[in-house]
């Protein structure tokens, strides 16, 4: 049993999280929901015993507790980043990155259990691949397998479904149901109400860093639904701040992206093979497909971040890749957000300076800031309802608040091409609708075009005109379906 009474947990010198009463029994499956910044991740840490208790009582009788979160994933990726930037390579070494199997077994060595878990989550074929080459969804599955290696009796999952495609979300929900039948107690922290599995009986509602309600799922959801509908009506009353300078104007006759027979391979295996793709002016594309299909790889070719982009026949904004352009020539046209970019944003900056960095296409701010840029960023902070946090360290914000800041960072200059790779991960329902309204507003009133990746069909903004679908094929890996949807 886990029981908490009149508990006050420390978040910072000026913030606390409170729980008046909470009891979770052996074998329960519960979910907690709330808006970004409501304290969901703090709650997960508190239940795992990792949040400082200032007062009150916590009785935790579970012997083996496992906790999964975006922060844990970020630490593993940070470690891999450090490992792959070492100068201590032997003469015959070219890459010191760990394989998926090594990541899974890093704290608990059991090859048979590792293989069994990988089979359960559909990543057995990835066990020998370097972890750093996995897609977002594949890294999530790897982290879950790694956590289950300890065979916990209490499993705490912070946003377990984010980054997973439809089939993988259904597969994970089924696995959690099976785990609960083995008397494993499961606690989920979620942003999406529609991701609460049907076998969850009780949920908790969080707001303003306190547990407001805990009880039967149907009772709580009915109450929350009414409040959300009232809040969503306010989304249409806004105006996006203007860019700091006039956006680059391109003629409508100029094709934005031309990729001929696109090809990318890792370790001798083709990830993208034979893709022909044309994006014309005024087209907004949704890119869909299962985890590991190559969606993020395709986007990295466009942004100039993938080295194999220069070996492909790729023309962007009328200029052939490798014709002498710099990475800054490419990025000046582009606004970009992805889960990997979020994980890589390690620079210690204030919230305000993270937004300002969007004007310079840099991670960090290394040049003088104009008065106009400073004024516009204050308008963005007001739109985000984060003005009071302007000077706070970016990494002190909740994961969802960080994602909102990075999305706004991609929008500040009103880019020619807005590339959003799973941008709504970690956002609650209200903020997802808010961001979608920003995107539609930006594209409707300006000259921005969109490339949008999401595993959730309901996440697509209204402005989408075309869809590129990665379709699994047993012979060639993936085929590509291109269609107009408007």
Protein backbone atom coordinates (compact mmCIF):
# COMPACT_ATOMS: atom_id res chain seq x y z
CA UNK A 1 0.00 0.00 0.00
CA UNK A 2 1.02 3.61 -0.65
CA UNK A 3 -0.70 6.11 1.64
CA UNK A 4 -0.21 9.88 1.84
CA UNK A 5 -1.79 12.24 4.38
CA UNK A 6 -1.53 16.04 4.61
CA UNK A 7 1.71 15.99 2.63
CA UNK A 8 3.61 19.06 1.44
CA UNK A 9 6.44 18.41 -1.06
CA UNK A 10 9.11 20.93 -1.97
CA UNK A 11 9.41 21.91 -5.64
CA UNK A 12 11.66 24.95 -5.18
CA UNK A 13 12.30 27.64 -2.59
CA UNK A 14 9.03 29.31 -3.61
CA UNK A 15 6.83 26.43 -4.79
CA UNK A 16 5.24 23.44 -3.07
CA UNK A 17 3.03 20.52 -4.08
CA UNK A 18 0.28 19.33 -1.72
CA UNK A 19 -1.69 16.12 -1.29
CA UNK A 20 -4.35 16.08 1.41
CA UNK A 21 -5.18 12.38 1.18
CA UNK A 22 -4.31 9.56 -1.24
CA UNK A 23 -4.34 5.78 -0.91
CA UNK A 24 -3.16 3.37 -3.62
CA UNK A 25 -3.49 -0.34 -2.89
CA UNK A 26 -1.56 -3.33 -4.15
CA UNK A 27 -2.68 -4.23 -7.70
CA UNK A 28 -4.42 -0.90 -8.41
CA UNK A 29 -4.13 0.81 -11.77
CA UNK A 30 -4.67 4.57 -11.47
CA UNK A 31 -4.14 7.59 -13.69
CA UNK A 32 -3.51 11.25 -12.87
CA UNK A 33 -4.37 14.06 -15.30
CA UNK A 34 -3.92 17.81 -15.30
CA UNK A 35 -2.79 20.80 -17.29
CA UNK A 36 0.86 21.60 -18.05
CA UNK A 37 2.46 23.05 -14.94
CA UNK A 38 -0.17 21.50 -12.66
CA UNK A 39 2.46 19.31 -10.97
CA UNK A 40 1.96 15.93 -12.66
CA UNK A 41 5.67 15.12 -12.94
CA UNK A 42 6.24 16.32 -9.38
CA UNK A 43 3.50 13.95 -8.25
CA UNK A 44 5.19 11.06 -10.08
CA UNK A 45 8.48 11.86 -8.33
CA UNK A 46 6.71 12.15 -4.97
CA UNK A 47 5.07 8.73 -5.40
CA UNK A 48 8.47 7.30 -6.37
CA UNK A 49 10.04 8.78 -3.23
CA UNK A 50 12.20 11.25 -5.16
CA UNK A 51 10.58 14.54 -4.12
CA UNK A 52 11.58 16.21 -0.79
CA UNK A 53 8.81 15.95 1.83
CA UNK A 54 8.45 19.08 3.97
CA UNK A 55 5.59 17.90 6.17
CA UNK A 56 2.88 15.29 6.41
CA UNK A 57 3.03 11.51 6.24
CA UNK A 58 3.97 9.09 3.45
CA UNK A 59 3.72 5.33 4.02
CA UNK A 60 5.13 3.31 1.12
CA UNK A 61 5.19 -0.46 1.53
CA UNK A 62 6.25 -1.29 -2.04
CA UNK A 63 9.68 -2.95 -2.22
CA UNK A 64 10.68 -2.29 -5.84
CA UNK A 65 9.62 1.01 -7.42
CA UNK A 66 10.32 1.94 -11.04
CA UNK A 67 9.69 5.38 -12.53
CA UNK A 68 9.78 6.35 -16.23
CA UNK A 69 9.72 9.95 -17.50
CA UNK A 70 11.00 12.20 -20.28
CA UNK A 71 13.69 13.36 -17.87
CA UNK A 72 15.00 9.80 -17.55
CA UNK A 73 15.09 9.50 -21.32
CA UNK A 74 16.92 12.82 -21.57
CA UNK A 75 19.58 11.64 -19.11
CA UNK A 76 20.24 8.49 -21.14
CA UNK A 77 20.52 10.55 -24.32
CA UNK A 78 22.80 13.04 -22.54
CA UNK A 79 25.04 10.16 -21.48
CA UNK A 80 25.13 8.89 -25.07
CA UNK A 81 25.96 12.38 -26.31
CA UNK A 82 28.90 12.58 -23.92
CA UNK A 83 30.00 9.06 -24.82
CA UNK A 84 29.99 9.86 -28.52
CA UNK A 85 32.01 13.04 -28.10
CA UNK A 86 34.91 11.51 -26.22
CA UNK A 87 38.49 11.76 -27.44
CA UNK A 88 39.29 8.39 -25.86
CA UNK A 89 38.55 6.21 -28.92
CA UNK A 90 40.86 3.35 -29.81
CA UNK A 91 42.36 3.18 -33.30
CA UNK A 92 39.75 0.68 -34.47
CA UNK A 93 36.80 2.41 -32.81
CA UNK A 94 34.53 4.76 -34.73
CA UNK A 95 31.47 4.82 -32.48
CA UNK A 96 31.20 4.20 -28.74
CA UNK A 97 27.43 4.46 -28.58
CA UNK A 98 25.62 1.69 -26.73
CA UNK A 99 23.33 -0.73 -28.50
CA UNK A 100 19.65 -1.02 -27.61
CA UNK A 101 20.36 -4.31 -25.79
CA UNK A 102 23.12 -2.64 -23.74
CA UNK A 103 20.83 0.24 -22.79
CA UNK A 104 18.08 -2.17 -21.69
CA UNK A 105 20.52 -4.22 -19.60
CA UNK A 106 22.66 -1.37 -18.28
CA UNK A 107 21.49 -1.82 -14.66
CA UNK A 108 20.11 -5.40 -14.75
CA UNK A 109 21.96 -8.05 -16.77
CA UNK A 110 19.63 -10.76 -18.10
CA UNK A 111 19.90 -11.51 -21.82
CA UNK A 112 16.88 -13.82 -21.87
CA UNK A 113 14.60 -11.34 -20.09
CA UNK A 114 15.91 -8.54 -22.34
CA UNK A 115 15.03 -10.55 -25.44
CA UNK A 116 11.62 -11.48 -24.03
CA UNK A 117 10.71 -7.86 -23.25
CA UNK A 118 12.01 -6.67 -26.64
CA UNK A 119 9.78 -9.27 -28.32
CA UNK A 120 6.79 -8.10 -26.28
CA UNK A 121 7.29 -4.49 -27.36
CA UNK A 122 8.24 -5.24 -30.97
CA UNK A 123 11.86 -4.03 -30.86
CA UNK A 124 13.75 -7.35 -30.93
CA UNK A 125 15.11 -6.46 -34.38
CA UNK A 126 16.64 -3.29 -32.88
CA UNK A 127 18.65 -4.91 -30.07
CA UNK A 128 21.97 -4.63 -31.93
CA UNK A 129 21.33 -1.17 -33.33
CA UNK A 130 22.97 1.83 -31.67
CA UNK A 131 20.49 3.48 -29.32
CA UNK A 132 21.21 6.95 -30.70
CA UNK A 133 19.86 5.89 -34.12
CA UNK A 134 16.41 4.91 -32.83
CA UNK A 135 13.28 6.92 -33.50
CA UNK A 136 11.45 8.73 -30.70
CA UNK A 137 8.90 5.94 -30.35
CA UNK A 138 11.61 3.27 -30.38
CA UNK A 139 13.52 5.03 -27.59
CA UNK A 140 10.31 5.11 -25.52
CA UNK A 141 9.83 1.36 -25.95
CA UNK A 142 13.49 0.78 -25.07
CA UNK A 143 13.13 2.78 -21.87
CA UNK A 144 10.04 0.79 -20.86
CA UNK A 145 11.88 -2.49 -21.44
CA UNK A 146 14.85 -1.18 -19.46
CA UNK A 147 12.57 -0.31 -16.54
CA UNK A 148 10.78 -3.65 -16.54
CA UNK A 149 14.14 -5.45 -16.26
CA UNK A 150 14.02 -4.72 -12.51
CA UNK A 151 10.63 -6.50 -12.26
CA UNK A 152 9.07 -3.76 -10.07
CA UNK A 153 5.98 -4.18 -7.91
CA UNK A 154 5.12 -0.46 -8.36
CA UNK A 155 5.48 1.01 -11.86
CA UNK A 156 5.10 4.79 -12.30
CA UNK A 157 4.77 5.95 -15.91
CA UNK A 158 5.00 9.66 -16.75
CA UNK A 159 3.40 10.14 -20.22
CA UNK A 160 3.99 6.53 -21.36
CA UNK A 161 2.04 6.85 -24.62
CA UNK A 162 3.75 9.97 -25.98
CA UNK A 163 5.88 9.28 -29.05
CA UNK A 164 4.15 5.97 -29.83
CA UNK A 165 2.17 5.28 -32.98
CA UNK A 166 -1.42 4.01 -32.82
CA UNK A 167 -0.50 0.32 -32.88
CA UNK A 168 2.23 0.79 -30.27
CA UNK A 169 -0.12 2.70 -27.94
CA UNK A 170 -2.65 -0.13 -28.16
CA UNK A 171 0.14 -2.67 -27.61
CA UNK A 172 1.43 -0.83 -24.53
CA UNK A 173 -2.08 -0.52 -23.06
CA UNK A 174 -2.52 -4.27 -23.52
CA UNK A 175 0.84 -4.97 -21.85
CA UNK A 176 -0.07 -2.75 -18.91
CA UNK A 177 -3.32 -4.66 -18.53
CA UNK A 178 -1.35 -7.93 -18.49
CA UNK A 179 1.12 -6.52 -15.94
CA UNK A 180 -1.73 -5.48 -13.67
CA UNK A 181 -3.03 -9.05 -13.78
CA UNK A 182 0.36 -10.06 -12.34
CA UNK A 183 -0.37 -7.85 -9.28
CA UNK A 184 1.96 -5.07 -10.42
CA UNK A 185 0.59 -1.74 -9.22
CA UNK A 186 0.59 0.81 -12.05
CA UNK A 187 0.39 4.60 -11.81
CA UNK A 188 0.10 6.66 -15.00
CA UNK A 189 0.53 10.41 -15.38
CA UNK A 190 -1.20 11.60 -18.56
CA UNK A 191 -2.02 14.75 -20.52
CA UNK A 192 -4.59 13.19 -22.85
CA UNK A 193 -7.89 12.18 -21.28
CA UNK A 194 -8.61 9.87 -24.22
CA UNK A 195 -5.44 7.88 -23.44
CA UNK A 196 -6.71 6.71 -20.06
CA UNK A 197 -7.01 2.93 -20.62
CA UNK A 198 -10.49 1.44 -20.09
CA UNK A 199 -9.25 -0.82 -17.28
CA UNK A 200 -8.34 2.22 -15.13
CA UNK A 201 -10.99 2.57 -12.44
CA UNK A 202 -9.79 5.63 -10.47
CA UNK A 203 -8.16 8.85 -11.59
CA UNK A 204 -6.83 11.95 -9.89
CA UNK A 205 -7.17 15.55 -11.09
CA UNK A 206 -4.29 17.99 -10.51
CA UNK A 207 -4.28 21.80 -10.67
CA UNK A 208 -1.98 24.50 -9.30
CA UNK A 209 0.42 21.95 -7.81
CA UNK A 210 -2.13 20.14 -5.70
CA UNK A 211 -4.21 16.98 -5.96
CA UNK A 212 -7.73 18.37 -6.21
CA UNK A 213 -9.76 15.19 -6.62
CA UNK A 214 -9.27 11.45 -6.64
CA UNK A 215 -12.04 8.99 -7.30
CA UNK A 216 -14.01 6.93 -9.86
CA UNK A 217 -12.96 7.71 -13.44
CA UNK A 218 -16.41 8.48 -14.84
CA UNK A 219 -17.25 10.93 -12.05
CA UNK A 220 -13.99 12.90 -12.44
CA UNK A 221 -14.05 12.98 -16.25
CA UNK A 222 -17.59 14.33 -16.39
CA UNK A 223 -16.54 17.23 -14.21
CA UNK A 224 -13.33 17.91 -16.14
CA UNK A 225 -15.05 17.76 -19.54
CA UNK A 226 -17.35 20.65 -18.64
CA UNK A 227 -14.42 22.84 -17.56
CA UNK A 228 -12.40 22.03 -20.66
CA UNK A 229 -15.25 22.92 -23.01
CA UNK A 230 -15.57 26.28 -21.27
CA UNK A 231 -11.82 26.93 -21.60
CA UNK A 232 -11.65 25.95 -25.28
CA UNK A 233 -14.12 28.69 -26.21
CA UNK A 234 -11.48 31.28 -25.32
CA UNK A 235 -8.92 30.03 -27.85
CA UNK A 236 -10.11 32.12 -30.80
CA UNK A 237 -9.47 35.48 -29.13
CA UNK A 238 -5.79 36.09 -29.91
CA UNK A 239 -3.36 37.68 -32.37
CA UNK A 240 0.13 36.31 -32.95
CA UNK A 241 2.97 38.80 -32.43
CA UNK A 242 4.52 40.05 -35.68
CA UNK A 243 7.99 38.87 -36.84
CA UNK A 244 11.03 41.00 -36.03
CA UNK A 245 11.66 41.60 -39.74
CA UNK A 246 9.71 41.09 -42.96
CA UNK A 247 9.49 37.35 -43.70
CA UNK A 248 11.27 36.09 -46.82
CA UNK A 249 8.92 36.20 -49.82
CA UNK A 250 9.18 33.37 -52.36
CA UNK A 251 7.24 33.30 -55.67
CA UNK A 252 4.31 30.87 -55.89
CA UNK A 253 5.87 29.37 -59.02
CA UNK A 254 8.89 28.16 -57.03
CA UNK A 255 8.60 24.58 -55.73
CA UNK A 256 9.55 24.45 -52.04
CA UNK A 257 10.93 20.87 -51.82
CA UNK A 258 12.02 18.49 -54.58
CA UNK A 259 13.42 15.11 -53.49
CA UNK A 260 14.29 12.62 -56.24
CA UNK A 261 14.79 8.94 -55.37
CA UNK A 262 15.55 9.80 -51.73
CA UNK A 263 17.79 7.27 -49.97
CA UNK A 264 19.11 7.04 -46.39
CA UNK A 265 20.72 4.01 -44.77
CA UNK A 266 22.06 3.05 -41.32
CA UNK A 267 24.44 0.14 -40.90
CA UNK A 268 23.74 -1.04 -44.44
CA UNK A 269 19.94 -1.03 -43.99
CA UNK A 270 17.80 1.37 -46.02
CA UNK A 271 15.63 3.65 -43.86
CA UNK A 272 14.35 5.74 -46.75
CA UNK A 273 14.45 4.08 -50.16
CA UNK A 274 13.25 5.53 -53.46
CA UNK A 275 11.12 8.40 -52.15
CA UNK A 276 10.10 10.97 -54.77
CA UNK A 277 8.45 13.98 -53.12
CA UNK A 278 7.41 17.38 -54.41
CA UNK A 279 6.09 20.15 -52.16
CA UNK A 280 4.67 23.14 -54.04
CA UNK A 281 3.82 26.61 -52.79
CA UNK A 282 0.82 26.89 -50.46
CA UNK A 283 0.84 23.17 -49.61
CA UNK A 284 0.76 21.99 -45.99
CA UNK A 285 1.75 18.36 -45.44
CA UNK A 286 1.05 15.81 -42.74
CA UNK A 287 3.59 12.95 -42.61
CA UNK A 288 2.35 9.74 -41.03
CA UNK A 289 3.65 6.22 -40.44
CA UNK A 290 4.66 3.81 -37.68
CA UNK A 291 7.61 4.23 -35.29
CA UNK A 292 10.93 3.73 -37.08
CA UNK A 293 9.50 4.31 -40.57
CA UNK A 294 11.87 7.22 -41.27
CA UNK A 295 9.62 10.25 -40.76
CA UNK A 296 12.06 12.15 -38.54
CA UNK A 297 14.96 11.11 -40.80
CA UNK A 298 13.16 12.67 -43.77
CA UNK A 299 12.68 15.93 -41.88
CA UNK A 300 16.35 16.00 -40.87
CA UNK A 301 17.26 15.84 -44.57
CA UNK A 302 15.18 18.97 -45.13
CA UNK A 303 16.61 20.89 -42.16
CA UNK A 304 20.19 20.10 -43.19
CA UNK A 305 20.91 18.24 -39.96
CA UNK A 306 21.39 14.83 -41.61
CA UNK A 307 24.80 14.22 -43.27
CA UNK A 308 23.25 12.03 -45.97
CA UNK A 309 21.21 15.00 -47.11
CA UNK A 310 24.19 16.06 -49.19
CA UNK A 311 24.33 12.73 -51.03
CA UNK A 312 20.68 13.03 -52.08
CA UNK A 313 19.14 14.82 -55.06
CA UNK A 314 17.37 17.44 -52.93
CA UNK A 315 16.34 20.96 -53.92
CA UNK A 316 15.01 23.27 -51.21
CA UNK A 317 13.52 26.70 -51.95
CA UNK A 318 14.95 26.55 -55.49
CA UNK A 319 18.49 25.76 -54.37
CA UNK A 320 20.07 22.33 -54.86
CA UNK A 321 21.52 20.81 -51.68
CA UNK A 322 25.31 20.91 -51.74
CA UNK A 323 25.55 23.86 -54.14
CA UNK A 324 27.54 25.95 -51.68
CA UNK A 325 24.81 26.97 -49.25
CA UNK A 326 25.57 27.09 -45.52
CA UNK A 327 23.49 25.54 -42.75
CA UNK A 328 22.38 29.10 -41.89
CA UNK A 329 21.14 29.65 -45.47
CA UNK A 330 18.87 26.66 -44.88
CA UNK A 331 17.74 27.46 -41.33
CA UNK A 332 16.85 31.10 -42.07
CA UNK A 333 13.79 29.79 -43.94
CA UNK A 334 12.80 27.19 -41.32
CA UNK A 335 11.16 26.98 -37.89
CA UNK A 336 11.62 23.58 -36.27
CA UNK A 337 10.48 21.56 -33.25
CA UNK A 338 10.94 17.86 -32.50
CA UNK A 339 11.32 15.59 -29.48
CA UNK A 340 15.02 15.07 -30.25
CA UNK A 341 15.52 18.85 -30.50
CA UNK A 342 13.80 19.23 -27.12
CA UNK A 343 16.09 16.61 -25.59
CA UNK A 344 19.14 18.28 -27.16
CA UNK A 345 18.30 21.77 -25.85
CA UNK A 346 20.81 21.56 -23.00
CA UNK A 347 22.03 25.17 -22.93
CA UNK A 348 21.34 26.92 -19.63
CA UNK A 349 19.11 29.84 -20.61
CA UNK A 350 16.19 31.81 -19.26
CA UNK A 351 12.75 31.21 -20.74
CA UNK A 352 12.91 34.62 -22.42
CA UNK A 353 16.26 33.90 -24.08
CA UNK A 354 15.09 30.53 -25.40
CA UNK A 355 12.35 32.40 -27.27
CA UNK A 356 14.81 35.03 -28.48
CA UNK A 357 17.10 32.31 -29.87
CA UNK A 358 14.38 31.54 -32.42
CA UNK A 359 15.20 34.81 -34.22
CA UNK A 360 18.80 33.63 -34.68
CA UNK A 361 18.17 29.91 -35.42
CA UNK A 362 20.60 29.01 -32.63
CA UNK A 363 20.58 26.97 -29.44
CA UNK A 364 21.50 29.81 -27.14
CA UNK A 365 21.88 33.56 -27.74
CA UNK A 366 25.29 34.77 -28.89
CA UNK A 367 24.60 38.21 -30.33
CA UNK A 368 22.98 41.51 -29.43
CA UNK A 369 19.20 41.54 -28.99
CA UNK A 370 17.25 44.41 -30.57
CA UNK A 371 14.65 46.40 -28.69
CA UNK A 372 12.01 45.15 -31.12
CA UNK A 373 12.92 41.49 -30.48
CA UNK A 374 12.77 42.06 -26.73
CA UNK A 375 9.34 43.70 -27.06
CA UNK A 376 7.98 40.92 -29.29
CA UNK A 377 9.18 38.19 -26.94
CA UNK A 378 7.28 39.83 -24.10
CA UNK A 379 4.16 39.61 -26.27
CA UNK A 380 4.81 35.90 -26.85
CA UNK A 381 5.22 35.32 -23.11
CA UNK A 382 1.90 37.06 -22.52
CA UNK A 383 0.25 34.86 -25.16
CA UNK A 384 1.76 31.80 -23.46
CA UNK A 385 0.60 33.04 -20.04
CA UNK A 386 4.20 32.61 -18.84
CA UNK A 387 5.19 36.25 -18.26
CA UNK A 388 5.95 35.58 -14.59
CA UNK A 389 8.46 32.88 -15.62
CA UNK A 390 10.42 34.98 -18.16
CA UNK A 391 13.62 35.05 -16.10
CA UNK A 392 13.31 31.50 -14.79
CA UNK A 393 15.73 28.84 -16.10
CA UNK A 394 14.16 27.02 -19.06
CA UNK A 395 14.86 23.62 -17.48
CA UNK A 396 13.05 24.60 -14.28
CA UNK A 397 9.72 24.56 -16.17
CA UNK A 398 7.58 21.46 -16.53
CA UNK A 399 8.18 19.36 -19.62
CA UNK A 400 4.93 20.58 -21.19
CA UNK A 401 5.77 24.23 -20.54
CA UNK A 402 9.20 23.69 -22.11
CA UNK A 403 7.54 22.23 -25.20
CA UNK A 404 5.21 25.25 -25.47
CA UNK A 405 8.22 27.59 -25.33
CA UNK A 406 10.03 25.62 -28.07
CA UNK A 407 6.95 25.68 -30.30
CA UNK A 408 6.67 29.45 -29.86
CA UNK A 409 10.43 29.70 -30.57
CA UNK A 410 9.79 28.03 -33.95
CA UNK A 411 7.00 30.49 -34.76
CA UNK A 412 8.55 33.83 -33.71
CA UNK A 413 10.07 34.73 -37.11
CA UNK A 414 7.01 33.50 -39.11
CA UNK A 415 9.23 31.10 -41.10
CA UNK A 416 8.78 30.14 -44.75
CA UNK A 417 8.62 26.48 -43.71
CA UNK A 418 7.44 25.33 -40.28
CA UNK A 419 8.58 21.77 -39.50
CA UNK A 420 6.84 20.21 -36.50
CA UNK A 421 7.81 16.63 -35.58
CA UNK A 422 5.45 15.35 -32.86
CA UNK A 423 5.19 18.89 -31.46
CA UNK A 424 2.25 18.23 -29.15
CA UNK A 425 3.94 15.54 -27.05
CA UNK A 426 3.62 16.36 -23.37
CA UNK A 427 0.88 18.97 -23.87
CA UNK A 428 -2.52 18.81 -22.18
CA UNK A 429 -5.73 19.07 -24.20
CA UNK A 430 -6.14 22.82 -23.80
CA UNK A 431 -2.55 23.57 -24.87
CA UNK A 432 -2.79 21.18 -27.82
CA UNK A 433 -5.83 23.07 -29.08
CA UNK A 434 -4.05 26.36 -28.39
CA UNK A 435 -1.00 25.37 -30.46
CA UNK A 436 -3.14 24.09 -33.33
CA UNK A 437 -4.96 27.43 -33.39
CA UNK A 438 -1.58 29.26 -33.51
CA UNK A 439 -0.49 27.16 -36.48
CA UNK A 440 -3.72 27.71 -38.41
CA UNK A 441 -3.59 31.44 -37.62
CA UNK A 442 0.05 31.75 -38.77
CA UNK A 443 -0.57 29.92 -42.05
CA UNK A 444 -3.94 31.54 -42.78
CA UNK A 445 -2.65 35.10 -42.34
CA UNK A 446 0.91 34.74 -43.72
CA UNK A 447 3.13 32.86 -46.18
CA UNK A 448 4.26 30.02 -43.89
CA UNK A 449 3.93 26.39 -45.03
CA UNK A 450 3.78 23.36 -42.75
CA UNK A 451 5.33 19.88 -42.50
CA UNK A 452 3.59 18.15 -39.61
CA UNK A 453 4.29 14.74 -38.05
CA UNK A 454 1.99 13.17 -35.44
CA UNK A 455 0.83 9.71 -34.45
CA UNK A 456 -2.50 11.17 -33.33
CA UNK A 457 -4.94 11.87 -36.19
CA UNK A 458 -6.80 14.44 -34.09
CA UNK A 459 -3.61 16.51 -33.68
CA UNK A 460 -3.48 17.65 -37.32
CA UNK A 461 -4.26 21.36 -37.77
CA UNK A 462 -7.11 22.37 -40.07
CA UNK A 463 -4.68 23.81 -42.65
CA UNK A 464 -3.35 20.39 -43.83
CA UNK A 465 -3.77 19.97 -47.62
CA UNK A 466 -1.63 16.90 -48.43
CA UNK A 467 -0.50 13.71 -46.74
CA UNK A 468 2.63 11.57 -47.14
CA UNK A 469 2.13 8.11 -45.63
CA UNK A 470 4.89 5.56 -44.94
CA UNK A 471 3.22 2.22 -45.71
CA UNK A 472 4.95 -0.98 -44.40
CA UNK A 473 6.00 -3.42 -47.12
CA UNK A 474 7.62 -6.81 -46.40
CA UNK A 475 9.89 -6.62 -49.46
CA UNK A 476 11.22 -3.05 -49.50
CA UNK A 477 10.54 -1.95 -45.91
CA UNK A 478 8.25 0.99 -46.69
CA UNK A 479 6.40 2.35 -49.67
CA UNK A 480 5.15 5.93 -49.93
CA UNK A 481 1.58 7.04 -50.50
CA UNK A 482 1.04 10.68 -51.52
CA UNK A 483 -2.43 12.18 -51.55
CA UNK A 484 -4.27 15.48 -51.59
CA UNK A 485 -6.86 15.79 -48.83
CA UNK A 486 -8.39 19.12 -49.78
